[in-house]
């Protein structure tokens, strides 16, 4: 596993953020997990010159305000951010939507996990995958 790994989770649901954080800490206590409650908050974090660019972004699709899709568009059009692997995770199971999101630059599209064990597995697979 990479040293000093940083993961950004963008999700408006506080329970899902808590579950995600707990699963990441089970994987490795040294992983820094940045939690963002909105797309706009995440973009402000990412565009700040003082914050470290995350190694991975997990992005909820269904959020009020700036949607996950719009957030993905903003990330992928920014040269400084475009290489970050973005994993979209959502309650949506729309095949057409997943295809469109991959064309926009998401590296993976998956159904939102409902337990710490499922999140543990999802994050473990994502951080050990080569997303070239």
Protein backbone atom coordinates (compact mmCIF):
# COMPACT_ATOMS: atom_id res chain seq x y z
CA UNK A 1 0.00 0.00 0.00
CA UNK A 2 1.16 3.54 -0.73
CA UNK A 3 2.49 5.59 2.15
CA UNK A 4 0.56 8.63 3.35
CA UNK A 5 -2.44 7.82 1.20
CA UNK A 6 -5.13 10.52 1.04
CA UNK A 7 -8.73 9.73 0.11
CA UNK A 8 -11.42 12.34 -0.43
CA UNK A 9 -15.02 11.27 0.10
CA UNK A 10 -17.70 13.58 -1.29
CA UNK A 11 -21.09 12.59 0.13
CA UNK A 12 -23.94 14.64 1.56
CA UNK A 13 -25.14 11.86 3.90
CA UNK A 14 -23.48 12.12 7.36
CA UNK A 15 -24.17 8.45 8.18
CA UNK A 16 -22.54 7.31 4.94
CA UNK A 17 -19.52 9.56 5.61
CA UNK A 18 -19.13 8.08 9.10
CA UNK A 19 -19.41 4.51 7.80
CA UNK A 20 -16.87 5.24 5.06
CA UNK A 21 -14.42 6.82 7.52
CA UNK A 22 -14.66 3.85 9.91
CA UNK A 23 -14.04 1.38 7.08
CA UNK A 24 -11.00 3.31 5.83
CA UNK A 25 -9.49 3.37 9.33
CA UNK A 26 -9.97 -0.41 9.54
CA UNK A 27 -7.96 -0.78 6.34
CA UNK A 28 -5.10 1.39 7.55
CA UNK A 29 -5.01 3.93 10.40
CA UNK A 30 -2.45 5.96 8.46
CA UNK A 31 -4.76 6.71 5.53
CA UNK A 32 -5.91 10.31 5.64
CA UNK A 33 -9.61 10.45 4.92
CA UNK A 34 -10.95 13.88 3.98
CA UNK A 35 -14.72 14.06 4.27
CA UNK A 36 -16.69 16.59 2.26
CA UNK A 37 -20.44 17.09 2.55
CA UNK A 38 -20.95 18.71 -0.86
CA UNK A 39 -19.49 19.02 -4.32
CA UNK A 40 -18.82 22.73 -3.81
CA UNK A 41 -17.03 22.12 -0.52
CA UNK A 42 -14.90 19.44 -2.18
CA UNK A 43 -13.99 21.69 -5.12
CA UNK A 44 -12.97 24.46 -2.72
CA UNK A 45 -10.75 21.96 -0.88
CA UNK A 46 -9.25 20.62 -4.12
CA UNK A 47 -8.57 24.07 -5.56
CA UNK A 48 -6.95 25.41 -2.41
CA UNK A 49 -3.21 25.67 -2.93
CA UNK A 50 -2.53 24.64 0.65
CA UNK A 51 -4.22 21.21 0.63
CA UNK A 52 -2.63 18.01 -0.59
CA UNK A 53 -4.23 16.57 -3.71
CA UNK A 54 -5.91 13.26 -2.80
CA UNK A 55 -4.80 9.96 -4.28
CA UNK A 56 -8.44 8.89 -4.78
CA UNK A 57 -11.85 10.52 -4.79
CA UNK A 58 -15.04 8.63 -3.92
CA UNK A 59 -17.97 10.65 -5.23
CA UNK A 60 -21.65 10.30 -4.40
CA UNK A 61 -23.74 11.05 -7.46
CA UNK A 62 -26.98 12.22 -5.86
CA UNK A 63 -26.31 15.39 -3.88
CA UNK A 64 -28.21 18.66 -3.52
CA UNK A 65 -26.65 21.79 -4.97
CA UNK A 66 -23.71 20.79 -7.14
CA UNK A 67 -24.47 17.23 -8.27
CA UNK A 68 -21.88 14.49 -8.38
CA UNK A 69 -21.92 14.62 -12.18
CA UNK A 70 -21.23 18.38 -12.21
CA UNK A 71 -18.51 17.91 -9.59
CA UNK A 72 -16.89 15.21 -11.75
CA UNK A 73 -17.01 17.55 -14.76
CA UNK A 74 -15.26 20.28 -12.77
CA UNK A 75 -12.58 17.89 -11.48
CA UNK A 76 -11.84 16.47 -14.93
CA UNK A 77 -11.55 19.83 -16.66
CA UNK A 78 -8.96 21.07 -14.12
CA UNK A 79 -5.46 20.05 -15.27
CA UNK A 80 -4.22 19.88 -11.67
CA UNK A 81 -7.02 17.49 -10.67
CA UNK A 82 -7.87 15.53 -13.81
CA UNK A 83 -5.49 12.61 -13.14
CA UNK A 84 -7.05 11.76 -9.76
CA UNK A 85 -8.99 8.48 -9.99
CA UNK A 86 -12.65 9.23 -9.25
CA UNK A 87 -14.83 6.33 -8.17
CA UNK A 88 -18.53 7.17 -8.40
CA UNK A 89 -20.60 5.39 -5.82
CA UNK A 90 -24.32 5.84 -5.72
CA UNK A 91 -27.71 4.28 -5.17
CA UNK A 92 -28.31 4.54 -8.93
CA UNK A 93 -28.14 1.37 -11.00
CA UNK A 94 -28.61 3.07 -14.38
CA UNK A 95 -26.33 1.43 -16.95
CA UNK A 96 -26.55 4.40 -19.35
CA UNK A 97 -25.58 6.72 -16.52
CA UNK A 98 -22.55 4.61 -15.60
CA UNK A 99 -21.39 4.59 -19.22
CA UNK A 100 -21.78 8.37 -19.45
CA UNK A 101 -19.84 8.89 -16.20
CA UNK A 102 -16.99 6.69 -17.39
CA UNK A 103 -16.84 8.70 -20.61
CA UNK A 104 -16.59 11.82 -18.44
CA UNK A 105 -13.55 10.38 -16.68
CA UNK A 106 -14.77 8.33 -13.72
CA UNK A 107 -12.59 5.22 -13.37
CA UNK A 108 -15.33 3.12 -11.80
CA UNK A 109 -19.05 3.22 -11.02
CA UNK A 110 -20.44 1.14 -8.18
CA UNK A 111 -23.55 0.78 -6.05
CA UNK A 112 -23.31 2.48 -2.70
CA UNK A 113 -22.30 -0.01 -0.01
CA UNK A 114 -24.57 -0.33 3.02
CA UNK A 115 -22.19 -1.84 5.57
CA UNK A 116 -18.70 -1.21 6.87
CA UNK A 117 -17.59 -4.59 5.47
CA UNK A 118 -18.77 -3.68 1.97
CA UNK A 119 -17.06 -0.28 2.13
CA UNK A 120 -13.90 -1.93 3.44
CA UNK A 121 -13.88 -4.26 0.44
CA UNK A 122 -14.67 -1.45 -2.04
CA UNK A 123 -11.96 0.87 -0.73
CA UNK A 124 -9.40 -1.94 -0.44
CA UNK A 125 -9.95 -2.92 -4.06
CA UNK A 126 -9.84 0.69 -5.27
CA UNK A 127 -6.60 1.66 -3.55
CA UNK A 128 -4.82 -1.46 -4.73
CA UNK A 129 -5.97 -1.12 -8.36
CA UNK A 130 -3.85 0.50 -11.07
CA UNK A 131 -6.11 3.20 -12.56
CA UNK A 132 -4.06 4.32 -15.55
